[in-house]
Amino acid sequence: MGGDLPIRQPSLSDQIYEIILKEISEGTFPPGSKLPSENELAKRFGVSRPTVRAAFNRLVEMGYVRKRRGVGTFVANSPSIANPLYHSFDIKERIHARGYTSGFKQLNAQIVQADEWLSEKLDVPQGSKVLNIKKIFTADDTPIIYFINYIPEWVYENCLSEEDVLEPGVTEPFFIFFAQECNKEIEYLASVITPHTAKECDLPDEFSINGPNTPLLVVEDIGYDNNDSPIVFSIEHLAKEASNFHVLRRVENI
């Protein structure tokens, strides 16, 4: 793997996409509301209509908005980003918004039995089934994030079969998977972020690092639903520019 990735400026359509997505997540445009027209947004941002249309197309593709022919564009009634944390954690979107070509590779998926450690993390009985997925995200073909996910069986068993959840990429985009496929929302995350070097981590060969002393950030997340039940435990290994994509956390005032 070569040197640090260069910082690239996102395209105009990507910038507009990010702004509208942020305004949806913050409630400026609540579920069911009509977005300004392409002409209005083109005038607001000082860009062409095709640029705005490209941003709209991405919003439609991700399921955040719906177009009604001859009527306008509306925020989805149950947008996947209702949880504001989603905006920070859609890894492929964040990579793309920084001007890179994002990539994804699922290394492995298997059903494991919860040992004492997983039982404590996920609040499930020892020996219960847990989906374990290992995957890598890339920016311009350079591996920058290595994920290990653990999802207890009760989260998906009424919606998806064991064969379904083992299919490559079925859990991506991650927060959409929980909201739309499992009918559960991740309401908040409890996170622990620690600095490490590559030699301290058990990394797959596919996650190539310059040397054993290469610095990494390791993030352990437990995601909770609205009943305060843990529905996912993740370990993320962040290299190079990856920490700029998704280690930010939103904290509500107490």
C-alpha atoms as a PDB file:
ATOM      1  CA  MET A   1       0.000   0.000   0.000  1.00  0.00           C
ATOM      2  CA  GLY A   2       1.365   3.387  -0.910  1.00  0.00           C
ATOM      3  CA  GLY A   3       1.519   6.649   1.012  1.00  0.00           C
ATOM      4  CA  ASP A   4      -1.323   8.520   2.639  1.00  0.00           C
ATOM      5  CA  LEU A   5      -4.352   9.098   0.465  1.00  0.00           C
ATOM      6  CA  PRO A   6      -4.625  12.608  -0.968  1.00  0.00           C
ATOM      7  CA  ILE A   7      -7.453  14.810   0.245  1.00  0.00           C
ATOM      8  CA  ARG A   8      -9.899  15.273  -2.603  1.00  0.00           C
ATOM      9  CA  GLN A   9     -12.658  17.788  -2.911  1.00  0.00           C
ATOM     10  CA  PRO A  10     -16.123  16.250  -3.325  1.00  0.00           C
ATOM     11  CA  SER A  11     -18.048  17.140  -6.458  1.00  0.00           C
ATOM     12  CA  LEU A  12     -20.761  19.808  -6.401  1.00  0.00           C
ATOM     13  CA  SER A  13     -23.510  17.188  -6.553  1.00  0.00           C
ATOM     14  CA  ASP A  14     -21.906  15.322  -3.638  1.00  0.00           C
ATOM     15  CA  GLN A  15     -21.760  18.535  -1.602  1.00  0.00           C
ATOM     16  CA  ILE A  16     -25.438  19.243  -2.288  1.00  0.00           C
ATOM     17  CA  TYR A  17     -26.321  15.638  -1.450  1.00  0.00           C
ATOM     18  CA  GLU A  18     -24.504  15.986   1.901  1.00  0.00           C
ATOM     19  CA  ILE A  19     -26.242  19.269   2.715  1.00  0.00           C
ATOM     20  CA  ILE A  20     -29.735  17.969   1.932  1.00  0.00           C
ATOM     21  CA  LEU A  21     -29.061  14.722   3.792  1.00  0.00           C
ATOM     22  CA  LYS A  22     -27.922  16.690   6.843  1.00  0.00           C
ATOM     23  CA  GLU A  23     -31.037  18.880   6.679  1.00  0.00           C
ATOM     24  CA  ILE A  24     -33.250  15.773   6.511  1.00  0.00           C
ATOM     25  CA  SER A  25     -31.457  14.149   9.462  1.00  0.00           C
ATOM     26  CA  GLU A  26     -31.757  17.339  11.524  1.00  0.00           C
ATOM     27  CA  GLY A  27     -35.480  17.745  10.780  1.00  0.00           C
ATOM     28  CA  THR A  28     -35.297  20.782   8.506  1.00  0.00           C
ATOM     29  CA  PHE A  29     -37.176  18.574   6.049  1.00  0.00           C
ATOM     30  CA  PRO A  30     -39.191  16.128   8.201  1.00  0.00           C
ATOM     31  CA  PRO A  31     -40.610  12.800   6.947  1.00  0.00           C
ATOM     32  CA  GLY A  32     -43.331  13.340   4.337  1.00  0.00           C
ATOM     33  CA  SER A  33     -42.337  16.928   3.588  1.00  0.00           C
ATOM     34  CA  LYS A  34     -41.755  18.204   0.080  1.00  0.00           C
ATOM     35  CA  LEU A  35     -38.250  19.261  -0.894  1.00  0.00           C
ATOM     36  CA  PRO A  36     -37.632  22.458  -2.865  1.00  0.00           C
ATOM     37  CA  SER A  37     -37.690  22.003  -6.625  1.00  0.00           C
ATOM     38  CA  GLU A  38     -34.571  21.453  -8.712  1.00  0.00           C
ATOM     39  CA  ASN A  39     -34.859  25.048  -9.958  1.00  0.00           C
ATOM     40  CA  GLU A  40     -35.099  26.415  -6.412  1.00  0.00           C
ATOM     41  CA  LEU A  41     -32.117  24.407  -5.203  1.00  0.00           C
ATOM     42  CA  ALA A  42     -30.085  25.256  -8.303  1.00  0.00           C
ATOM     43  CA  LYS A  43     -30.672  28.932  -7.541  1.00  0.00           C
ATOM     44  CA  ARG A  44     -29.922  28.444  -3.830  1.00  0.00           C
ATOM     45  CA  PHE A  45     -26.581  26.733  -4.459  1.00  0.00           C
ATOM     46  CA  GLY A  46     -25.635  28.566  -7.648  1.00  0.00           C
ATOM     47  CA  VAL A  47     -25.360  25.381  -9.712  1.00  0.00           C
ATOM     48  CA  SER A  48     -27.062  23.822 -12.726  1.00  0.00           C
ATOM     49  CA  ARG A  49     -30.232  21.736 -12.573  1.00  0.00           C
ATOM     50  CA  PRO A  50     -28.381  18.553 -13.675  1.00  0.00           C
ATOM     51  CA  THR A  51     -26.081  18.961 -10.666  1.00  0.00           C
ATOM     52  CA  VAL A  52     -29.081  19.114  -8.317  1.00  0.00           C
ATOM     53  CA  ARG A  53     -30.714  16.228 -10.181  1.00  0.00           C
ATOM     54  CA  ALA A  54     -27.618  14.078  -9.608  1.00  0.00           C
ATOM     55  CA  ALA A  55     -27.855  14.761  -5.864  1.00  0.00           C
ATOM     56  CA  PHE A  56     -31.577  13.925  -5.903  1.00  0.00           C
ATOM     57  CA  ASN A  57     -30.908  10.676  -7.747  1.00  0.00           C
ATOM     58  CA  ARG A  58     -28.520   9.553  -5.022  1.00  0.00           C
ATOM     59  CA  LEU A  59     -31.060  10.446  -2.336  1.00  0.00           C
ATOM     60  CA  VAL A  60     -33.686   8.392  -4.181  1.00  0.00           C
ATOM     61  CA  GLU A  61     -31.289   5.481  -4.652  1.00  0.00           C
ATOM     62  CA  MET A  62     -30.522   5.382  -0.916  1.00  0.00           C
ATOM     63  CA  GLY A  63     -34.235   5.506  -0.043  1.00  0.00           C
ATOM     64  CA  TYR A  64     -34.162   8.883   1.707  1.00  0.00           C
ATOM     65  CA  VAL A  65     -36.623  10.574  -0.662  1.00  0.00           C
ATOM     66  CA  ARG A  66     -39.363   9.590  -3.118  1.00  0.00           C
ATOM     67  CA  LYS A  67     -40.183  11.271  -6.413  1.00  0.00           C
ATOM     68  CA  ARG A  68     -43.812  11.714  -7.451  1.00  0.00           C
ATOM     69  CA  ARG A  69     -44.157  12.376 -11.141  1.00  0.00           C
ATOM     70  CA  GLY A  70     -45.618  15.812 -11.779  1.00  0.00           C
ATOM     71  CA  VAL A  71     -45.824  16.580  -8.039  1.00  0.00           C
ATOM     72  CA  GLY A  72     -42.308  16.825  -6.632  1.00  0.00           C
ATOM     73  CA  THR A  73     -39.750  15.122  -4.396  1.00  0.00           C
ATOM     74  CA  PHE A  74     -40.698  14.132  -0.859  1.00  0.00           C
ATOM     75  CA  VAL A  75     -38.772  12.908   2.182  1.00  0.00           C
ATOM     76  CA  ALA A  76     -39.538   9.234   2.823  1.00  0.00           C
ATOM     77  CA  ASN A  77     -42.073   8.663   5.588  1.00  0.00           C
ATOM     78  CA  SER A  78     -39.574   6.491   7.438  1.00  0.00           C
ATOM     79  CA  PRO A  79     -36.181   7.663   6.175  1.00  0.00           C
ATOM     80  CA  SER A  80     -33.300   5.377   7.067  1.00  0.00           C
ATOM     81  CA  ILE A  81     -31.433   8.299   8.576  1.00  0.00           C
ATOM     82  CA  ALA A  82     -34.055   9.044  11.219  1.00  0.00           C
ATOM     83  CA  ASN A  83     -31.277   8.097  13.604  1.00  0.00           C
ATOM     84  CA  PRO A  84     -28.782  10.980  13.153  1.00  0.00           C
ATOM     85  CA  LEU A  85     -25.879   8.625  13.814  1.00  0.00           C
ATOM     86  CA  TYR A  86     -26.583   6.962  10.471  1.00  0.00           C
ATOM     87  CA  HIS A  87     -25.270   9.956   8.568  1.00  0.00           C
ATOM     88  CA  SER A  88     -21.853   9.499  10.190  1.00  0.00           C
ATOM     89  CA  PHE A  89     -21.739   5.750   9.721  1.00  0.00           C
ATOM     90  CA  ASP A  90     -22.715   5.075   6.123  1.00  0.00           C
ATOM     91  CA  ILE A  91     -19.159   4.156   5.271  1.00  0.00           C
ATOM     92  CA  LYS A  92     -19.404   3.865   1.495  1.00  0.00           C
ATOM     93  CA  GLU A  93     -21.289   7.152   1.295  1.00  0.00           C
ATOM     94  CA  ARG A  94     -18.728   8.951   3.435  1.00  0.00           C
ATOM     95  CA  ILE A  95     -15.865   7.607   1.320  1.00  0.00           C
ATOM     96  CA  HIS A  96     -17.658   8.616  -1.876  1.00  0.00           C
ATOM     97  CA  ALA A  97     -18.384  12.093  -0.505  1.00  0.00           C
ATOM     98  CA  ARG A  98     -14.671  12.661   0.029  1.00  0.00           C
ATOM     99  CA  GLY A  99     -14.053  12.118  -3.670  1.00  0.00           C
ATOM    100  CA  TYR A 100     -12.818   8.514  -3.623  1.00  0.00           C
ATOM    101  CA  THR A 101     -14.229   5.447  -5.281  1.00  0.00           C
ATOM    102  CA  SER A 102     -15.532   3.306  -2.443  1.00  0.00           C
ATOM    103  CA  GLY A 103     -15.218  -0.450  -2.383  1.00  0.00           C
ATOM    104  CA  PHE A 104     -16.412  -3.282  -0.175  1.00  0.00           C
ATOM    105  CA  LYS A 105     -15.339  -6.868   0.342  1.00  0.00           C
ATOM    106  CA  GLN A 106     -16.896  -9.353   2.726  1.00  0.00           C
ATOM    107  CA  LEU A 107     -14.164 -11.663   3.940  1.00  0.00           C
ATOM    108  CA  ASN A 108     -16.238 -14.091   5.938  1.00  0.00           C
ATOM    109  CA  ALA A 109     -19.669 -14.671   7.441  1.00  0.00           C
ATOM    110  CA  GLN A 110     -20.508 -17.426   9.884  1.00  0.00           C
ATOM    111  CA  ILE A 111     -22.799 -18.321  12.736  1.00  0.00           C
ATOM    112  CA  VAL A 112     -20.910 -18.676  16.009  1.00  0.00           C
ATOM    113  CA  GLN A 113     -21.931 -19.489  19.553  1.00  0.00           C
ATOM    114  CA  ALA A 114     -21.704 -16.720  22.122  1.00  0.00           C
ATOM    115  CA  ASP A 115     -18.851 -17.275  24.547  1.00  0.00           C
ATOM    116  CA  GLU A 116     -18.597 -15.472  27.878  1.00  0.00           C
ATOM    117  CA  TRP A 117     -17.136 -12.373  26.197  1.00  0.00           C
ATOM    118  CA  LEU A 118     -19.882 -12.067  23.534  1.00  0.00           C
ATOM    119  CA  SER A 119     -22.543 -12.976  26.082  1.00  0.00           C
ATOM    120  CA  GLU A 120     -21.526  -9.956  28.124  1.00  0.00           C
ATOM    121  CA  LYS A 121     -21.221  -7.592  25.159  1.00  0.00           C
ATOM    122  CA  LEU A 122     -24.589  -8.523  23.614  1.00  0.00           C
ATOM    123  CA  ASP A 123     -26.498  -9.488  26.749  1.00  0.00           C
ATOM    124  CA  VAL A 124     -27.374 -12.926  25.356  1.00  0.00           C
ATOM    125  CA  PRO A 125     -27.050 -16.399  26.915  1.00  0.00           C
ATOM    126  CA  GLN A 126     -23.780 -18.231  26.416  1.00  0.00           C
ATOM    127  CA  GLY A 127     -24.112 -20.711  23.571  1.00  0.00           C
ATOM    128  CA  SER A 128     -26.751 -18.685  21.726  1.00  0.00           C
ATOM    129  CA  LYS A 129     -26.287 -18.049  18.004  1.00  0.00           C
ATOM    130  CA  VAL A 130     -24.532 -14.894  16.822  1.00  0.00           C
ATOM    131  CA  LEU A 131     -23.872 -13.760  13.244  1.00  0.00           C
ATOM    132  CA  ASN A 132     -20.174 -12.890  12.803  1.00  0.00           C
ATOM    133  CA  ILE A 133     -19.153 -10.910   9.716  1.00  0.00           C
ATOM    134  CA  LYS A 134     -15.708  -9.670   8.714  1.00  0.00           C
ATOM    135  CA  LYS A 135     -15.415  -7.076   5.950  1.00  0.00           C
ATOM    136  CA  ILE A 136     -13.140  -4.442   4.462  1.00  0.00           C
ATOM    137  CA  PHE A 137     -13.907  -1.031   2.958  1.00  0.00           C
ATOM    138  CA  THR A 138     -11.555   0.564   0.458  1.00  0.00           C
ATOM    139  CA  ALA A 139     -10.947   4.033  -0.972  1.00  0.00           C
ATOM    140  CA  ASP A 140      -9.584   3.949  -4.517  1.00  0.00           C
ATOM    141  CA  ASP A 141      -8.817   0.254  -3.951  1.00  0.00           C
ATOM    142  CA  THR A 142      -6.766   1.026  -0.814  1.00  0.00           C
ATOM    143  CA  PRO A 143      -8.009  -0.834   2.294  1.00  0.00           C
ATOM    144  CA  ILE A 144      -8.773   1.692   5.021  1.00  0.00           C
ATOM    145  CA  ILE A 145     -11.383   0.088   7.336  1.00  0.00           C
ATOM    146  CA  TYR A 146     -11.568  -3.461   8.652  1.00  0.00           C
ATOM    147  CA  PHE A 147     -14.830  -4.365  10.415  1.00  0.00           C
ATOM    148  CA  ILE A 148     -15.805  -7.260  12.632  1.00  0.00           C
ATOM    149  CA  ASN A 149     -19.563  -7.356  13.378  1.00  0.00           C
ATOM    150  CA  TYR A 150     -21.488  -9.530  15.833  1.00  0.00           C
ATOM    151  CA  ILE A 151     -25.296  -9.595  15.569  1.00  0.00           C
ATOM    152  CA  PRO A 152     -27.389 -11.810  17.877  1.00  0.00           C
ATOM    153  CA  GLU A 153     -29.812 -14.184  16.187  1.00  0.00           C
ATOM    154  CA  TRP A 154     -32.906 -12.684  17.832  1.00  0.00           C
ATOM    155  CA  VAL A 155     -32.337  -9.448  15.873  1.00  0.00           C
ATOM    156  CA  TYR A 156     -32.940 -11.013  12.451  1.00  0.00           C
ATOM    157  CA  GLU A 157     -34.498 -14.465  13.019  1.00  0.00           C
ATOM    158  CA  ASN A 158     -38.100 -13.343  12.384  1.00  0.00           C
ATOM    159  CA  CYS A 159     -37.173 -11.530   9.163  1.00  0.00           C
ATOM    160  CA  LEU A 160     -34.310 -13.397   7.521  1.00  0.00           C
ATOM    161  CA  SER A 161     -33.151 -16.984   7.333  1.00  0.00           C
ATOM    162  CA  GLU A 162     -29.710 -18.136   8.352  1.00  0.00           C
ATOM    163  CA  GLU A 163     -28.873 -18.580   4.682  1.00  0.00           C
ATOM    164  CA  ASP A 164     -29.990 -15.019   3.939  1.00  0.00           C
ATOM    165  CA  VAL A 165     -27.742 -13.356   6.534  1.00  0.00           C
ATOM    166  CA  LEU A 166     -24.706 -15.298   5.353  1.00  0.00           C
ATOM    167  CA  GLU A 167     -25.004 -13.912   1.810  1.00  0.00           C
ATOM    168  CA  PRO A 168     -22.184 -11.462   0.924  1.00  0.00           C
ATOM    169  CA  GLY A 169     -23.143  -7.834   1.506  1.00  0.00           C
ATOM    170  CA  VAL A 170     -26.615  -8.495   2.914  1.00  0.00           C
ATOM    171  CA  THR A 171     -25.913  -6.302   5.965  1.00  0.00           C
ATOM    172  CA  GLU A 172     -24.891  -3.300   3.854  1.00  0.00           C
ATOM    173  CA  PRO A 173     -25.682  -0.449   4.085  1.00  0.00           C
ATOM    174  CA  PHE A 174     -25.411  -1.314   7.765  1.00  0.00           C
ATOM    175  CA  PHE A 175     -28.030   0.911   9.373  1.00  0.00           C
ATOM    176  CA  ILE A 176     -30.473   0.300   6.532  1.00  0.00           C
ATOM    177  CA  PHE A 177     -30.076  -3.431   7.182  1.00  0.00           C
ATOM    178  CA  PHE A 178     -31.315  -3.050  10.753  1.00  0.00           C
ATOM    179  CA  ALA A 179     -34.068  -0.555   9.952  1.00  0.00           C
ATOM    180  CA  GLN A 180     -35.495  -2.130   6.804  1.00  0.00           C
ATOM    181  CA  GLU A 181     -34.520  -5.800   6.925  1.00  0.00           C
ATOM    182  CA  CYS A 182     -34.796  -6.445  10.675  1.00  0.00           C
ATOM    183  CA  ASN A 183     -37.407  -3.790  11.561  1.00  0.00           C
ATOM    184  CA  LYS A 184     -35.151  -2.461  14.298  1.00  0.00           C
ATOM    185  CA  GLU A 185     -33.409   0.879  14.706  1.00  0.00           C
ATOM    186  CA  ILE A 186     -30.042   1.566  16.286  1.00  0.00           C
ATOM    187  CA  GLU A 187     -30.949   4.437  18.569  1.00  0.00           C
ATOM    188  CA  TYR A 188     -27.518   5.091  20.053  1.00  0.00           C
ATOM    189  CA  LEU A 189     -23.995   3.722  20.280  1.00  0.00           C
ATOM    190  CA  ALA A 190     -21.690   3.182  23.226  1.00  0.00           C
ATOM    191  CA  SER A 191     -18.176   3.523  21.858  1.00  0.00           C
ATOM    192  CA  VAL A 192     -14.640   3.021  23.058  1.00  0.00           C
ATOM    193  CA  ILE A 193     -11.865   4.430  20.834  1.00  0.00           C
ATOM    194  CA  THR A 194      -8.252   3.430  21.444  1.00  0.00           C
ATOM    195  CA  PRO A 195      -4.999   3.944  19.507  1.00  0.00           C
ATOM    196  CA  HIS A 196      -3.086   0.848  18.440  1.00  0.00           C
ATOM    197  CA  THR A 197      -0.344  -0.217  16.089  1.00  0.00           C
ATOM    198  CA  ALA A 198      -0.820  -2.829  13.389  1.00  0.00           C
ATOM    199  CA  LYS A 199       1.285  -5.396  15.247  1.00  0.00           C
ATOM    200  CA  GLU A 200      -1.123  -5.236  18.195  1.00  0.00           C
ATOM    201  CA  CYS A 201      -4.117  -6.177  16.047  1.00  0.00           C
ATOM    202  CA  ASP A 202      -5.167  -9.437  14.438  1.00  0.00           C
ATOM    203  CA  LEU A 203      -5.515  -8.185  10.873  1.00  0.00           C
ATOM    204  CA  PRO A 204      -6.304 -10.239   7.756  1.00  0.00           C
ATOM    205  CA  ASP A 205      -3.840 -10.386   4.878  1.00  0.00           C
ATOM    206  CA  GLU A 206      -6.286  -8.420   2.710  1.00  0.00           C
ATOM    207  CA  PHE A 207      -5.952  -5.435   5.053  1.00  0.00           C
ATOM    208  CA  SER A 208      -2.437  -4.553   3.958  1.00  0.00           C
ATOM    209  CA  ILE A 209      -0.503  -2.169   6.201  1.00  0.00           C
ATOM    210  CA  ASN A 210       2.858  -0.513   5.524  1.00  0.00           C
ATOM    211  CA  GLY A 211       4.538  -1.943   8.601  1.00  0.00           C
ATOM    212  CA  PRO A 212       3.943  -3.403  12.068  1.00  0.00           C
ATOM    213  CA  ASN A 213       4.208   0.011  13.714  1.00  0.00           C
ATOM    214  CA  THR A 214       1.592   1.640  11.474  1.00  0.00           C
ATOM    215  CA  PRO A 215      -0.853   3.511  13.745  1.00  0.00           C
ATOM    216  CA  LEU A 216      -4.526   2.504  13.763  1.00  0.00           C
ATOM    217  CA  LEU A 217      -7.610   3.596  15.616  1.00  0.00           C
ATOM    218  CA  VAL A 218      -9.659   0.730  17.003  1.00  0.00           C
ATOM    219  CA  VAL A 219     -13.299   1.513  17.772  1.00  0.00           C
ATOM    220  CA  GLU A 220     -15.524  -0.835  19.746  1.00  0.00           C
ATOM    221  CA  ASP A 221     -19.220  -0.011  19.324  1.00  0.00           C
ATOM    222  CA  ILE A 222     -22.277  -1.504  20.972  1.00  0.00           C
ATOM    223  CA  GLY A 223     -25.457  -0.399  19.205  1.00  0.00           C
ATOM    224  CA  TYR A 224     -28.681  -0.273  21.211  1.00  0.00           C
ATOM    225  CA  ASP A 225     -32.317  -0.216  20.112  1.00  0.00           C
ATOM    226  CA  ASN A 226     -35.081   1.887  21.664  1.00  0.00           C
ATOM    227  CA  ASN A 227     -35.501  -0.691  24.418  1.00  0.00           C
ATOM    228  CA  ASP A 228     -31.845  -0.283  25.417  1.00  0.00           C
ATOM    229  CA  SER A 229     -31.111  -3.793  24.163  1.00  0.00           C
ATOM    230  CA  PRO A 230     -27.763  -4.343  22.390  1.00  0.00           C
ATOM    231  CA  ILE A 231     -28.405  -5.438  18.810  1.00  0.00           C
ATOM    232  CA  VAL A 232     -24.855  -5.277  17.432  1.00  0.00           C
ATOM    233  CA  PHE A 233     -21.283  -5.282  18.646  1.00  0.00           C
ATOM    234  CA  SER A 234     -18.636  -4.062  16.212  1.00  0.00           C
ATOM    235  CA  ILE A 235     -14.873  -3.731  16.200  1.00  0.00           C
ATOM    236  CA  GLU A 236     -13.533  -1.289  13.616  1.00  0.00           C
ATOM    237  CA  HIS A 237      -9.906  -0.876  12.606  1.00  0.00           C
ATOM    238  CA  LEU A 238      -9.336   2.512  10.984  1.00  0.00           C
ATOM    239  CA  ALA A 239      -6.276   3.276   8.879  1.00  0.00           C
ATOM    240  CA  LYS A 240      -5.108   6.496   7.219  1.00  0.00           C
ATOM    241  CA  GLU A 241      -7.986   8.842   6.338  1.00  0.00           C
ATOM    242  CA  ALA A 242     -10.653   6.480   7.632  1.00  0.00           C
ATOM    243  CA  SER A 243     -11.042   8.210  10.996  1.00  0.00           C
ATOM    244  CA  ASN A 244     -12.183  11.336   9.140  1.00  0.00           C
ATOM    245  CA  PHE A 245     -15.082   9.358   7.699  1.00  0.00           C
ATOM    246  CA  HIS A 246     -16.845   8.032  10.736  1.00  0.00           C
ATOM    247  CA  VAL A 247     -15.429   8.337  14.209  1.00  0.00           C
ATOM    248  CA  LEU A 248     -17.536  11.417  14.956  1.00  0.00           C
ATOM    249  CA  ARG A 249     -20.345  10.839  17.437  1.00  0.00           C
ATOM    250  CA  ARG A 250     -23.355  13.019  18.130  1.00  0.00           C
ATOM    251  CA  VAL A 251     -24.083  13.559  21.830  1.00  0.00           C
ATOM    252  CA  GLU A 252     -27.486  14.746  23.028  1.00  0.00           C
ATOM    253  CA  ASN A 253     -27.655  17.286  25.842  1.00  0.00           C
ATOM    254  CA  ILE A 254     -28.598  15.775  29.179  1.00  0.00           C
END
